Amino acid sequence: MSEQHVSKNQSTDLDTSSKDEIDLVEILCKIIVIRKKIYKVAGIGLIIGVIVALSIPKQYTVKVTLSPEMGSSRGTNGLAGLAASFFSIAGHYVGSGMVMKNGNKIVRPIILIVLVLLFIKIITGM
């Protein structure tokens, strides 16, 4: 009796799982049937978008704020510039050496991290 009960439960589970499946071929066929309507809607959207883009007046705004350099005139700026250029050259040398040795392992994650940070900056409007 218990075996029959288990087999009935398994068959009902299979029936419900087949109802939950998504048939991609069926969806594609439905899209193909209404493709002319999709083309019309896309064309109308394109025309409206072009009209709106051309009708908006071009407006450019530029704002510049200049500030004088602050600091003493004792010549320490020259040493700071020299140190900055030295560390810049050292960074380029170390970075190029790492890329030449482990290029794909290092460059791809760094590029992805920079792109993600840039995307976050653009989205947040910083």
C-alpha atoms as a PDB file:
ATOM      1  CA  MET A   1       0.000   0.000   0.000  1.00  0.00           C
ATOM      2  CA  SER A   2       2.785   2.411   0.889  1.00  0.00           C
ATOM      3  CA  GLU A   3       4.568   1.747  -2.422  1.00  0.00           C
ATOM      4  CA  GLN A   4       1.450   2.717  -4.363  1.00  0.00           C
ATOM      5  CA  HIS A   5       1.076   5.847  -2.271  1.00  0.00           C
ATOM      6  CA  VAL A   6       4.713   6.839  -2.947  1.00  0.00           C
ATOM      7  CA  SER A   7       4.382   6.226  -6.702  1.00  0.00           C
ATOM      8  CA  LYS A   8       1.224   8.381  -6.832  1.00  0.00           C
ATOM      9  CA  ASN A   9       3.067  11.219  -5.037  1.00  0.00           C
ATOM     10  CA  GLN A  10       5.959  10.963  -7.469  1.00  0.00           C
ATOM     11  CA  SER A  11       3.672  11.071 -10.488  1.00  0.00           C
ATOM     12  CA  THR A  12       1.840  14.152  -9.183  1.00  0.00           C
ATOM     13  CA  ASP A  13       5.189  15.840  -8.531  1.00  0.00           C
ATOM     14  CA  LEU A  14       6.209  15.194 -12.138  1.00  0.00           C
ATOM     15  CA  ASP A  15       2.912  16.595 -13.426  1.00  0.00           C
ATOM     16  CA  THR A  16       3.259  19.825 -11.450  1.00  0.00           C
ATOM     17  CA  SER A  17       6.914  20.293 -12.461  1.00  0.00           C
ATOM     18  CA  SER A  18       6.023  19.959 -16.154  1.00  0.00           C
ATOM     19  CA  LYS A  19       3.387  22.689 -15.726  1.00  0.00           C
ATOM     20  CA  ASP A  20       5.994  25.044 -14.206  1.00  0.00           C
ATOM     21  CA  GLU A  21       8.406  24.746 -17.145  1.00  0.00           C
ATOM     22  CA  ILE A  22       8.926  27.604 -19.578  1.00  0.00           C
ATOM     23  CA  ASP A  23       8.750  26.610 -23.220  1.00  0.00           C
ATOM     24  CA  LEU A  24      11.153  28.941 -25.026  1.00  0.00           C
ATOM     25  CA  VAL A  25      10.112  27.704 -28.468  1.00  0.00           C
ATOM     26  CA  GLU A  26       6.504  28.613 -27.723  1.00  0.00           C
ATOM     27  CA  ILE A  27       7.511  32.079 -26.543  1.00  0.00           C
ATOM     28  CA  LEU A  28       9.637  32.580 -29.667  1.00  0.00           C
ATOM     29  CA  CYS A  29       6.722  31.544 -31.869  1.00  0.00           C
ATOM     30  CA  LYS A  30       4.459  34.079 -30.122  1.00  0.00           C
ATOM     31  CA  ILE A  31       7.044  36.806 -30.669  1.00  0.00           C
ATOM     32  CA  ILE A  32       7.349  35.898 -34.345  1.00  0.00           C
ATOM     33  CA  VAL A  33       3.574  36.097 -34.727  1.00  0.00           C
ATOM     34  CA  ILE A  34       3.450  39.650 -33.321  1.00  0.00           C
ATOM     35  CA  ARG A  35       6.727  40.840 -34.886  1.00  0.00           C
ATOM     36  CA  LYS A  36       5.012  43.371 -37.178  1.00  0.00           C
ATOM     37  CA  LYS A  37       3.403  45.030 -34.157  1.00  0.00           C
ATOM     38  CA  ILE A  38       6.800  45.085 -32.429  1.00  0.00           C
ATOM     39  CA  TYR A  39       8.378  46.722 -35.510  1.00  0.00           C
ATOM     40  CA  LYS A  40       5.627  49.364 -35.607  1.00  0.00           C
ATOM     41  CA  VAL A  41       5.973  50.207 -31.903  1.00  0.00           C
ATOM     42  CA  ALA A  42       9.781  50.370 -32.181  1.00  0.00           C
ATOM     43  CA  GLY A  43       9.526  52.604 -35.270  1.00  0.00           C
ATOM     44  CA  ILE A  44       7.074  54.953 -33.558  1.00  0.00           C
ATOM     45  CA  GLY A  45       9.348  55.116 -30.521  1.00  0.00           C
ATOM     46  CA  LEU A  46      12.323  55.877 -32.756  1.00  0.00           C
ATOM     47  CA  ILE A  47      10.472  58.677 -34.536  1.00  0.00           C
ATOM     48  CA  ILE A  48       9.268  60.197 -31.255  1.00  0.00           C
ATOM     49  CA  GLY A  49      12.775  59.973 -29.798  1.00  0.00           C
ATOM     50  CA  VAL A  50      14.338  61.715 -32.804  1.00  0.00           C
ATOM     51  CA  ILE A  51      11.681  64.464 -32.738  1.00  0.00           C
ATOM     52  CA  VAL A  52      12.225  65.068 -29.017  1.00  0.00           C
ATOM     53  CA  ALA A  53      16.010  65.044 -29.382  1.00  0.00           C
ATOM     54  CA  LEU A  54      15.937  67.543 -32.229  1.00  0.00           C
ATOM     55  CA  SER A  55      13.342  69.816 -30.633  1.00  0.00           C
ATOM     56  CA  ILE A  56      15.183  70.315 -27.334  1.00  0.00           C
ATOM     57  CA  PRO A  57      17.408  73.406 -27.588  1.00  0.00           C
ATOM     58  CA  LYS A  58      21.101  72.871 -27.077  1.00  0.00           C
ATOM     59  CA  GLN A  59      22.186  74.372 -23.807  1.00  0.00           C
ATOM     60  CA  TYR A  60      25.720  74.354 -22.506  1.00  0.00           C
ATOM     61  CA  THR A  61      26.823  75.612 -19.113  1.00  0.00           C
ATOM     62  CA  VAL A  62      30.401  75.959 -17.980  1.00  0.00           C
ATOM     63  CA  LYS A  63      31.497  76.920 -14.491  1.00  0.00           C
ATOM     64  CA  VAL A  64      35.159  77.349 -13.597  1.00  0.00           C
ATOM     65  CA  THR A  65      36.599  78.092 -10.196  1.00  0.00           C
ATOM     66  CA  LEU A  66      40.264  78.977  -9.991  1.00  0.00           C
ATOM     67  CA  SER A  67      42.176  79.157  -6.759  1.00  0.00           C
ATOM     68  CA  PRO A  68      45.731  80.328  -6.244  1.00  0.00           C
ATOM     69  CA  GLU A  69      48.341  77.883  -5.046  1.00  0.00           C
ATOM     70  CA  MET A  70      48.744  77.894  -1.324  1.00  0.00           C
ATOM     71  CA  GLY A  71      52.036  77.231   0.308  1.00  0.00           C
ATOM     72  CA  SER A  72      55.301  78.759   1.243  1.00  0.00           C
ATOM     73  CA  SER A  73      57.905  79.919  -1.178  1.00  0.00           C
ATOM     74  CA  ARG A  74      60.752  78.108   0.605  1.00  0.00           C
ATOM     75  CA  GLY A  75      61.269  75.615  -2.225  1.00  0.00           C
ATOM     76  CA  THR A  76      59.584  72.612  -0.610  1.00  0.00           C
ATOM     77  CA  ASN A  77      57.229  72.339  -3.559  1.00  0.00           C
ATOM     78  CA  GLY A  78      60.164  71.386  -5.752  1.00  0.00           C
ATOM     79  CA  LEU A  79      61.109  68.515  -3.445  1.00  0.00           C
ATOM     80  CA  ALA A  80      57.521  67.290  -3.277  1.00  0.00           C
ATOM     81  CA  GLY A  81      57.304  67.365  -7.065  1.00  0.00           C
ATOM     82  CA  LEU A  82      60.565  65.460  -7.346  1.00  0.00           C
ATOM     83  CA  ALA A  83      59.356  62.814  -4.876  1.00  0.00           C
ATOM     84  CA  ALA A  84      56.030  62.528  -6.701  1.00  0.00           C
ATOM     85  CA  SER A  85      57.740  62.031 -10.059  1.00  0.00           C
ATOM     86  CA  PHE A  86      60.108  59.427  -8.572  1.00  0.00           C
ATOM     87  CA  PHE A  87      57.255  57.390  -7.068  1.00  0.00           C
ATOM     88  CA  SER A  88      55.273  57.732 -10.279  1.00  0.00           C
ATOM     89  CA  ILE A  89      58.137  56.253 -12.296  1.00  0.00           C
ATOM     90  CA  ALA A  90      58.628  53.496  -9.710  1.00  0.00           C
ATOM     91  CA  GLY A  91      54.893  52.688  -9.825  1.00  0.00           C
ATOM     92  CA  HIS A  92      54.937  52.459 -13.603  1.00  0.00           C
ATOM     93  CA  TYR A  93      57.982  50.200 -13.505  1.00  0.00           C
ATOM     94  CA  VAL A  94      56.503  47.851 -10.873  1.00  0.00           C
ATOM     95  CA  GLY A  95      53.110  47.808 -12.580  1.00  0.00           C
ATOM     96  CA  SER A  96      54.523  47.011 -16.009  1.00  0.00           C
ATOM     97  CA  GLY A  97      56.675  44.235 -14.516  1.00  0.00           C
ATOM     98  CA  MET A  98      53.629  42.667 -12.851  1.00  0.00           C
ATOM     99  CA  VAL A  99      51.650  42.846 -16.078  1.00  0.00           C
ATOM    100  CA  MET A 100      54.420  41.245 -18.080  1.00  0.00           C
ATOM    101  CA  LYS A 101      54.721  38.362 -15.597  1.00  0.00           C
ATOM    102  CA  ASN A 102      51.081  37.765 -14.585  1.00  0.00           C
ATOM    103  CA  GLY A 103      49.170  39.780 -17.161  1.00  0.00           C
ATOM    104  CA  ASN A 104      45.800  38.083 -17.369  1.00  0.00           C
ATOM    105  CA  LYS A 105      45.593  37.373 -13.631  1.00  0.00           C
ATOM    106  CA  ILE A 106      46.200  41.011 -12.691  1.00  0.00           C
ATOM    107  CA  VAL A 107      44.912  43.212 -15.508  1.00  0.00           C
ATOM    108  CA  ARG A 108      41.413  41.780 -15.913  1.00  0.00           C
ATOM    109  CA  PRO A 109      40.386  42.098 -12.228  1.00  0.00           C
ATOM    110  CA  ILE A 110      41.844  45.605 -12.008  1.00  0.00           C
ATOM    111  CA  ILE A 111      39.978  46.715 -15.133  1.00  0.00           C
ATOM    112  CA  LEU A 112      36.765  45.203 -13.814  1.00  0.00           C
ATOM    113  CA  ILE A 113      37.201  46.893 -10.424  1.00  0.00           C
ATOM    114  CA  VAL A 114      37.857  50.263 -12.068  1.00  0.00           C
ATOM    115  CA  LEU A 115      34.825  49.867 -14.333  1.00  0.00           C
ATOM    116  CA  VAL A 116      32.581  48.943 -11.397  1.00  0.00           C
ATOM    117  CA  LEU A 117      33.818  51.946  -9.401  1.00  0.00           C
ATOM    118  CA  LEU A 118      33.267  54.224 -12.401  1.00  0.00           C
ATOM    119  CA  PHE A 119      29.759  52.819 -12.867  1.00  0.00           C
ATOM    120  CA  ILE A 120      28.962  53.411  -9.185  1.00  0.00           C
ATOM    121  CA  LYS A 121      30.309  56.957  -9.444  1.00  0.00           C
ATOM    122  CA  ILE A 122      28.163  57.668 -12.504  1.00  0.00           C
ATOM    123  CA  ILE A 123      25.039  56.166 -10.943  1.00  0.00           C
ATOM    124  CA  THR A 124      25.418  58.051  -7.661  1.00  0.00           C
ATOM    125  CA  GLY A 125      26.300  61.299  -9.466  1.00  0.00           C
ATOM    126  CA  MET A 126      29.353  62.080  -7.378  1.00  0.00           C
END
